Amino acid sequence: SAALVPIAALGTVAGKSFIQNLSEKW
């Protein structure tokens, strides 16, 4: 699980970035 955390952390940052660039409606 610990070895996979960096991948999860990358996904967390990517998830927020995606939401920031998405309109409220969508």
PDB file of all heavy atoms in Angstrom:
ATOM      1  N   SER A   1       0.826  -1.203   0.000  1.00  0.00           N
ATOM      2  CA  SER A   1       0.000   0.000   0.000  1.00  0.00           C
ATOM      3  C   SER A   1       0.868   1.263   0.000  1.00  0.00           C
ATOM      4  O   SER A   1       0.610   2.219  -0.739  1.00  0.00           O
ATOM      5  CB  SER A   1      -0.932   0.009   1.209  1.00  0.00           C
ATOM      6  OG  SER A   1      -1.819  -1.083   1.174  1.00  0.00           O
ATOM      7  N   ALA A   2       1.917   1.251   0.831  1.00  0.00           N
ATOM      8  CA  ALA A   2       2.808   2.419   0.913  1.00  0.00           C
ATOM      9  C   ALA A   2       3.496   2.688  -0.421  1.00  0.00           C
ATOM     10  O   ALA A   2       3.689   3.846  -0.820  1.00  0.00           O
ATOM     11  CB  ALA A   2       3.845   2.202   2.006  1.00  0.00           C
ATOM     12  N   ALA A   3       3.872   1.620  -1.138  1.00  0.00           N
ATOM     13  CA  ALA A   3       4.547   1.775  -2.421  1.00  0.00           C
ATOM     14  C   ALA A   3       3.632   2.408  -3.473  1.00  0.00           C
ATOM     15  O   ALA A   3       4.104   3.050  -4.416  1.00  0.00           O
ATOM     16  CB  ALA A   3       5.046   0.419  -2.916  1.00  0.00           C
ATOM     17  N   LEU A   4       2.311   2.252  -3.300  1.00  0.00           N
ATOM     18  CA  LEU A   4       1.353   2.775  -4.277  1.00  0.00           C
ATOM     19  C   LEU A   4       0.877   4.190  -3.946  1.00  0.00           C
ATOM     20  O   LEU A   4       0.198   4.818  -4.751  1.00  0.00           O
ATOM     21  CB  LEU A   4       0.142   1.840  -4.354  1.00  0.00           C
ATOM     22  CG  LEU A   4       0.428   0.441  -4.911  1.00  0.00           C
ATOM     23  CD1 LEU A   4      -0.771  -0.465  -4.687  1.00  0.00           C
ATOM     24  CD2 LEU A   4       0.778   0.502  -6.395  1.00  0.00           C
ATOM     25  N   VAL A   5       1.243   4.690  -2.770  1.00  0.00           N
ATOM     26  CA  VAL A   5       0.790   6.014  -2.348  1.00  0.00           C
ATOM     27  C   VAL A   5       1.218   7.129  -3.309  1.00  0.00           C
ATOM     28  O   VAL A   5       0.420   8.035  -3.597  1.00  0.00           O
ATOM     29  CB  VAL A   5       1.266   6.317  -0.917  1.00  0.00           C
ATOM     30  CG1 VAL A   5       1.118   7.797  -0.582  1.00  0.00           C
ATOM     31  CG2 VAL A   5       0.475   5.476   0.072  1.00  0.00           C
ATOM     32  N   PRO A   6       2.469   7.151  -3.840  1.00  0.00           N
ATOM     33  CA  PRO A   6       2.824   8.231  -4.776  1.00  0.00           C
ATOM     34  C   PRO A   6       1.898   8.307  -5.988  1.00  0.00           C
ATOM     35  O   PRO A   6       1.580   9.404  -6.470  1.00  0.00           O
ATOM     36  CB  PRO A   6       4.254   7.868  -5.202  1.00  0.00           C
ATOM     37  CG  PRO A   6       4.793   7.078  -4.051  1.00  0.00           C
ATOM     38  CD  PRO A   6       3.627   6.286  -3.532  1.00  0.00           C
ATOM     39  N   ILE A   7       1.449   7.149  -6.476  1.00  0.00           N
ATOM     40  CA  ILE A   7       0.520   7.150  -7.609  1.00  0.00           C
ATOM     41  C   ILE A   7      -0.809   7.759  -7.187  1.00  0.00           C
ATOM     42  O   ILE A   7      -1.408   8.559  -7.911  1.00  0.00           O
ATOM     43  CB  ILE A   7       0.314   5.709  -8.130  1.00  0.00           C
ATOM     44  CG1 ILE A   7       1.633   5.152  -8.648  1.00  0.00           C
ATOM     45  CG2 ILE A   7      -0.751   5.679  -9.228  1.00  0.00           C
ATOM     46  CD1 ILE A   7       1.559   3.702  -9.069  1.00  0.00           C
ATOM     47  N   ALA A   8      -1.278   7.393  -5.985  1.00  0.00           N
ATOM     48  CA  ALA A   8      -2.523   7.954  -5.477  1.00  0.00           C
ATOM     49  C   ALA A   8      -2.399   9.468  -5.271  1.00  0.00           C
ATOM     50  O   ALA A   8      -3.325  10.223  -5.567  1.00  0.00           O
ATOM     51  CB  ALA A   8      -2.910   7.268  -4.165  1.00  0.00           C
ATOM     52  N   ALA A   9      -1.246   9.919  -4.762  1.00  0.00           N
ATOM     53  CA  ALA A   9      -1.030  11.355  -4.544  1.00  0.00           C
ATOM     54  C   ALA A   9      -1.064  12.116  -5.859  1.00  0.00           C
ATOM     55  O   ALA A   9      -1.636  13.214  -5.953  1.00  0.00           O
ATOM     56  CB  ALA A   9       0.302  11.572  -3.833  1.00  0.00           C
ATOM     57  N   LEU A  10      -0.469  11.527  -6.896  1.00  0.00           N
ATOM     58  CA  LEU A  10      -0.515  12.141  -8.229  1.00  0.00           C
ATOM     59  C   LEU A  10      -1.954  12.252  -8.714  1.00  0.00           C
ATOM     60  O   LEU A  10      -2.361  13.277  -9.278  1.00  0.00           O
ATOM     61  CB  LEU A  10       0.310  11.298  -9.207  1.00  0.00           C
ATOM     62  CG  LEU A  10       0.355  11.786 -10.660  1.00  0.00           C
ATOM     63  CD1 LEU A  10       1.024  13.147 -10.745  1.00  0.00           C
ATOM     64  CD2 LEU A  10       1.087  10.770 -11.539  1.00  0.00           C
ATOM     65  N   GLY A  11      -2.744  11.200  -8.468  1.00  0.00           N
ATOM     66  CA  GLY A  11      -4.149  11.231  -8.856  1.00  0.00           C
ATOM     67  C   GLY A  11      -4.929  12.289  -8.103  1.00  0.00           C
ATOM     68  O   GLY A  11      -5.830  12.927  -8.656  1.00  0.00           O
ATOM     69  N   THR A  12      -4.588  12.511  -6.830  1.00  0.00           N
ATOM     70  CA  THR A  12      -5.274  13.523  -6.024  1.00  0.00           C
ATOM     71  C   THR A  12      -5.065  14.920  -6.603  1.00  0.00           C
ATOM     72  O   THR A  12      -6.009  15.695  -6.754  1.00  0.00           O
ATOM     73  CB  THR A  12      -4.769  13.483  -4.573  1.00  0.00           C
ATOM     74  OG1 THR A  12      -4.941  12.161  -4.051  1.00  0.00           O
ATOM     75  CG2 THR A  12      -5.536  14.465  -3.705  1.00  0.00           C
ATOM     76  N   VAL A  13      -3.829  15.229  -6.942  1.00  0.00           N
ATOM     77  CA  VAL A  13      -3.521  16.539  -7.531  1.00  0.00           C
ATOM     78  C   VAL A  13      -4.204  16.678  -8.892  1.00  0.00           C
ATOM     79  O   VAL A  13      -4.779  17.727  -9.220  1.00  0.00           O
ATOM     80  CB  VAL A  13      -1.999  16.723  -7.669  1.00  0.00           C
ATOM     81  CG1 VAL A  13      -1.680  18.027  -8.390  1.00  0.00           C
ATOM     82  CG2 VAL A  13      -1.338  16.695  -6.295  1.00  0.00           C
ATOM     83  N   ALA A  14      -4.188  15.617  -9.686  1.00  0.00           N
ATOM     84  CA  ALA A  14      -4.820  15.651 -11.014  1.00  0.00           C
ATOM     85  C   ALA A  14      -6.324  15.823 -10.891  1.00  0.00           C
ATOM     86  O   ALA A  14      -6.948  16.540 -11.686  1.00  0.00           O
ATOM     87  CB  ALA A  14      -4.494  14.369 -11.777  1.00  0.00           C
ATOM     88  N   GLY A  15      -6.925  15.169  -9.889  1.00  0.00           N
ATOM     89  CA  GLY A  15      -8.367  15.283  -9.696  1.00  0.00           C
ATOM     90  C   GLY A  15      -8.792  16.700  -9.388  1.00  0.00           C
ATOM     91  O   GLY A  15      -9.760  17.213  -9.956  1.00  0.00           O
ATOM     92  N   LYS A  16      -8.068  17.368  -8.498  1.00  0.00           N
ATOM     93  CA  LYS A  16      -8.425  18.751  -8.172  1.00  0.00           C
ATOM     94  C   LYS A  16      -8.207  19.668  -9.369  1.00  0.00           C
ATOM     95  O   LYS A  16      -9.020  20.556  -9.640  1.00  0.00           O
ATOM     96  CB  LYS A  16      -7.617  19.252  -6.975  1.00  0.00           C
ATOM     97  CG  LYS A  16      -8.022  20.680  -6.599  1.00  0.00           C
ATOM     98  CD  LYS A  16      -7.321  21.219  -5.378  1.00  0.00           C
ATOM     99  CE  LYS A  16      -7.850  22.617  -5.069  1.00  0.00           C
ATOM    100  NZ  LYS A  16      -7.162  23.235  -3.912  1.00  0.00           N
ATOM    101  N   SER A  17      -7.123  19.451 -10.098  1.00  0.00           N
ATOM    102  CA  SER A  17      -6.844  20.273 -11.277  1.00  0.00           C
ATOM    103  C   SER A  17      -7.957  20.143 -12.311  1.00  0.00           C
ATOM    104  O   SER A  17      -8.382  21.129 -12.918  1.00  0.00           O
ATOM    105  CB  SER A  17      -5.501  19.868 -11.881  1.00  0.00           C
ATOM    106  OG  SER A  17      -5.240  20.594 -13.055  1.00  0.00           O
ATOM    107  N   PHE A  18      -8.443  18.917 -12.491  1.00  0.00           N
ATOM    108  CA  PHE A  18      -9.516  18.685 -13.459  1.00  0.00           C
ATOM    109  C   PHE A  18     -10.786  19.421 -13.045  1.00  0.00           C
ATOM    110  O   PHE A  18     -11.450  20.061 -13.867  1.00  0.00           O
ATOM    111  CB  PHE A  18      -9.780  17.181 -13.574  1.00  0.00           C
ATOM    112  CG  PHE A  18     -10.871  16.830 -14.548  1.00  0.00           C
ATOM    113  CD1 PHE A  18     -10.619  16.792 -15.910  1.00  0.00           C
ATOM    114  CD2 PHE A  18     -12.151  16.543 -14.093  1.00  0.00           C
ATOM    115  CE1 PHE A  18     -11.626  16.478 -16.815  1.00  0.00           C
ATOM    116  CE2 PHE A  18     -13.165  16.230 -14.987  1.00  0.00           C
ATOM    117  CZ  PHE A  18     -12.901  16.193 -16.355  1.00  0.00           C
ATOM    118  N   ILE A  19     -11.122  19.350 -11.760  1.00  0.00           N
ATOM    119  CA  ILE A  19     -12.338  20.002 -11.276  1.00  0.00           C
ATOM    120  C   ILE A  19     -12.243  21.517 -11.406  1.00  0.00           C
ATOM    121  O   ILE A  19     -13.212  22.193 -11.770  1.00  0.00           O
ATOM    122  CB  ILE A  19     -12.599  19.602  -9.809  1.00  0.00           C
ATOM    123  CG1 ILE A  19     -12.998  18.139  -9.736  1.00  0.00           C
ATOM    124  CG2 ILE A  19     -13.677  20.474  -9.190  1.00  0.00           C
ATOM    125  CD1 ILE A  19     -13.132  17.618  -8.335  1.00  0.00           C
ATOM    126  N   GLN A  20     -11.083  22.082 -11.126  1.00  0.00           N
ATOM    127  CA  GLN A  20     -10.912  23.529 -11.219  1.00  0.00           C
ATOM    128  C   GLN A  20     -11.190  24.057 -12.621  1.00  0.00           C
ATOM    129  O   GLN A  20     -11.634  25.192 -12.783  1.00  0.00           O
ATOM    130  CB  GLN A  20      -9.486  23.911 -10.799  1.00  0.00           C
ATOM    131  CG  GLN A  20      -9.245  23.834  -9.298  1.00  0.00           C
ATOM    132  CD  GLN A  20      -7.815  24.146  -8.930  1.00  0.00           C
ATOM    133  OE1 GLN A  20      -6.882  23.736  -9.618  1.00  0.00           O
ATOM    134  NE2 GLN A  20      -7.618  24.858  -7.831  1.00  0.00           N
ATOM    135  N   ASN A  21     -10.930  23.232 -13.629  1.00  0.00           N
ATOM    136  CA  ASN A  21     -11.112  23.659 -15.013  1.00  0.00           C
ATOM    137  C   ASN A  21     -12.442  23.212 -15.612  1.00  0.00           C
ATOM    138  O   ASN A  21     -12.666  23.356 -16.809  1.00  0.00           O
ATOM    139  CB  ASN A  21      -9.962  23.119 -15.874  1.00  0.00           C
ATOM    140  CG  ASN A  21      -8.631  23.744 -15.508  1.00  0.00           C
ATOM    141  OD1 ASN A  21      -8.377  24.916 -15.777  1.00  0.00           O
ATOM    142  ND2 ASN A  21      -7.772  22.972 -14.848  1.00  0.00           N
ATOM    143  N   LEU A  22     -13.322  22.671 -14.759  1.00  0.00           N
ATOM    144  CA  LEU A  22     -14.626  22.206 -15.216  1.00  0.00           C
ATOM    145  C   LEU A  22     -15.695  23.183 -14.742  1.00  0.00           C
ATOM    146  O   LEU A  22     -15.640  23.661 -13.615  1.00  0.00           O
ATOM    147  CB  LEU A  22     -14.899  20.810 -14.641  1.00  0.00           C
ATOM    148  CG  LEU A  22     -16.021  19.983 -15.246  1.00  0.00           C
ATOM    149  CD1 LEU A  22     -15.711  19.629 -16.699  1.00  0.00           C
ATOM    150  CD2 LEU A  22     -16.235  18.711 -14.435  1.00  0.00           C
ATOM    151  N   SER A  23     -16.659  23.492 -15.597  1.00  0.00           N
ATOM    152  CA  SER A  23     -17.711  24.437 -15.218  1.00  0.00           C
ATOM    153  C   SER A  23     -18.589  23.841 -14.128  1.00  0.00           C
ATOM    154  O   SER A  23     -18.692  22.623 -13.978  1.00  0.00           O
ATOM    155  CB  SER A  23     -18.571  24.790 -16.438  1.00  0.00           C
ATOM    156  OG  SER A  23     -19.351  23.670 -16.835  1.00  0.00           O
ATOM    157  N   GLU A  24     -19.245  24.735 -13.367  1.00  0.00           N
ATOM    158  CA  GLU A  24     -20.142  24.288 -12.298  1.00  0.00           C
ATOM    159  C   GLU A  24     -21.235  23.381 -12.869  1.00  0.00           C
ATOM    160  O   GLU A  24     -21.562  22.335 -12.288  1.00  0.00           O
ATOM    161  CB  GLU A  24     -20.787  25.511 -11.624  1.00  0.00           C
ATOM    162  CG  GLU A  24     -19.824  26.438 -10.920  1.00  0.00           C
ATOM    163  CD  GLU A  24     -19.658  26.092  -9.444  1.00  0.00           C
ATOM    164  OE1 GLU A  24     -20.497  25.346  -8.912  1.00  0.00           O
ATOM    165  OE2 GLU A  24     -18.680  26.570  -8.840  1.00  0.00           O
ATOM    166  N   LYS A  25     -21.801  23.764 -13.992  1.00  0.00           N
ATOM    167  CA  LYS A  25     -22.904  23.007 -14.593  1.00  0.00           C
ATOM    168  C   LYS A  25     -22.487  21.579 -14.897  1.00  0.00           C
ATOM    169  O   LYS A  25     -23.172  20.614 -14.531  1.00  0.00           O
ATOM    170  CB  LYS A  25     -23.378  23.704 -15.871  1.00  0.00           C
ATOM    171  CG  LYS A  25     -24.431  22.911 -16.633  1.00  0.00           C
ATOM    172  CD  LYS A  25     -24.791  23.603 -17.940  1.00  0.00           C
ATOM    173  CE  LYS A  25     -25.767  22.743 -18.750  1.00  0.00           C
ATOM    174  NZ  LYS A  25     -26.102  23.401 -20.048  1.00  0.00           N
ATOM    175  N   TRP A  26     -21.343  21.426 -15.569  1.00  0.00           N
ATOM    176  CA  TRP A  26     -20.905  20.097 -15.976  1.00  0.00           C
ATOM    177  C   TRP A  26     -20.411  19.276 -14.796  1.00  0.00           C
ATOM    178  O   TRP A  26     -20.541  18.037 -14.771  1.00  0.00           O
ATOM    179  CB  TRP A  26     -19.827  20.196 -17.050  1.00  0.00           C
ATOM    180  CG  TRP A  26     -20.397  20.608 -18.370  1.00  0.00           C
ATOM    181  CD1 TRP A  26     -20.234  21.811 -18.993  1.00  0.00           C
ATOM    182  CD2 TRP A  26     -21.243  19.824 -19.214  1.00  0.00           C
ATOM    183  NE1 TRP A  26     -20.933  21.846 -20.181  1.00  0.00           N
ATOM    184  CE2 TRP A  26     -21.551  20.630 -20.339  1.00  0.00           C
ATOM    185  CE3 TRP A  26     -21.775  18.541 -19.140  1.00  0.00           C
ATOM    186  CZ2 TRP A  26     -22.372  20.174 -21.372  1.00  0.00           C
ATOM    187  CZ3 TRP A  26     -22.592  18.088 -20.170  1.00  0.00           C
ATOM    188  CH2 TRP A  26     -22.878  18.892 -21.271  1.00  0.00           C
TER     189      TRP A  26
END
